[in-house]
Amino acid sequence: MSWSKAITIASHVGPTSYKITVTPKGDTEVFSWVKFHGKKRWIYYKFRKSANFTTGNFAAPIEISFNGIPFGSVVTGNIC
């Protein structure tokens, strides 16, 4: 099981709330992880379809990576 290269999808300054949704294009089940700076440390959060989170009071990037089971897949994502 290998993960895609991490992609920077946003940057923030100060606490900011986000919702990320991921939709696979095909029948492959896709897992995702998002990396962001929380209140005291980096957080790695694994999810399937969507994730809601609030960043800490820092200036930092937000990264995401994907893994298709059993094979890779094209995905459509949205962050707001």
Protein backbone atom coordinates (compact mmCIF):
# COMPACT_ATOMS: atom_id res chain seq x y z
CA MET A 1 0.00 0.00 0.00
CA SER A 2 1.64 3.24 -1.10
CA TRP A 3 0.48 6.82 -0.71
CA SER A 4 0.65 9.56 -3.31
CA LYS A 5 3.12 12.37 -2.97
CA ALA A 6 1.90 15.01 -0.49
CA ILE A 7 0.27 18.01 -2.17
CA THR A 8 0.05 21.45 -0.53
CA ILE A 9 -3.61 22.49 -0.92
CA ALA A 10 -3.73 25.63 1.25
CA SER A 11 -1.82 27.81 3.69
CA HIS A 12 -3.11 29.61 6.74
CA VAL A 13 -2.13 32.27 9.25
CA GLY A 14 -3.85 31.87 12.60
CA PRO A 15 -6.68 29.51 13.53
CA THR A 16 -8.78 28.64 10.47
CA SER A 17 -11.55 26.06 9.99
CA TYR A 18 -11.61 23.86 6.90
CA LYS A 19 -13.76 21.14 5.37
CA ILE A 20 -12.17 18.81 2.80
CA THR A 21 -14.20 16.42 0.65
CA VAL A 22 -12.72 13.75 -1.62
CA THR A 23 -14.66 11.84 -4.29
CA PRO A 24 -13.01 9.00 -6.24
CA LYS A 25 -13.72 8.77 -9.98
CA GLY A 26 -14.33 5.04 -10.28
CA ASP A 27 -14.98 2.05 -8.04
CA THR A 28 -11.74 2.21 -6.06
CA GLU A 29 -12.04 3.03 -2.37
CA VAL A 30 -9.81 6.00 -1.57
CA PHE A 31 -8.30 6.89 1.79
CA SER A 32 -6.77 10.30 2.36
CA TRP A 33 -4.69 11.95 5.02
CA VAL A 34 -4.38 15.63 5.72
CA LYS A 35 -1.43 17.21 7.55
CA PHE A 36 -1.92 20.52 9.36
CA HIS A 37 -0.51 22.34 12.37
CA GLY A 38 -2.84 22.02 15.36
CA LYS A 39 -2.64 23.90 18.66
CA LYS A 40 0.76 22.46 19.66
CA ARG A 41 2.01 20.06 16.98
CA TRP A 42 1.58 18.71 13.46
CA ILE A 43 -1.58 16.61 13.08
CA TYR A 44 -1.89 13.73 10.58
CA TYR A 45 -5.59 12.90 10.15
CA LYS A 46 -6.69 9.92 8.03
CA PHE A 47 -10.19 9.98 6.50
CA ARG A 48 -12.33 8.43 3.74
CA LYS A 49 -14.80 10.96 2.30
CA SER A 50 -14.54 14.19 4.27
CA ALA A 51 -12.73 15.86 7.15
CA ASN A 52 -13.44 18.95 9.26
CA PHE A 53 -10.65 20.54 11.27
CA THR A 54 -9.37 23.81 12.73
CA THR A 55 -5.71 24.76 12.52
CA GLY A 56 -3.66 26.26 15.32
CA ASN A 57 -2.45 29.84 15.69
CA PHE A 58 0.48 29.45 13.27
CA ALA A 59 1.44 30.23 9.69
CA ALA A 60 1.69 26.82 8.01
CA PRO A 61 0.77 24.82 4.90
CA ILE A 62 -1.96 22.17 4.70
CA GLU A 63 -0.99 19.00 2.81
CA ILE A 64 -3.00 16.03 1.57
CA SER A 65 -2.13 12.57 0.24
CA PHE A 66 -4.24 9.75 -1.24
CA ASN A 67 -4.25 5.94 -1.33
CA GLY A 68 -6.56 3.84 -3.52
CA ILE A 69 -7.51 0.31 -2.43
CA PRO A 70 -6.75 -1.99 -4.24
CA PHE A 71 -5.46 0.34 -6.97
CA GLY A 72 -4.90 4.06 -7.39
CA SER A 73 -7.68 6.31 -8.63
CA VAL A 74 -8.34 9.78 -9.93
CA VAL A 75 -10.01 11.91 -7.26
CA THR A 76 -11.94 15.16 -7.18
CA GLY A 77 -11.39 17.24 -4.08
CA ASN A 78 -12.84 20.37 -2.53
CA ILE A 79 -11.55 22.50 0.34
CA CYS A 80 -13.49 25.30 1.92
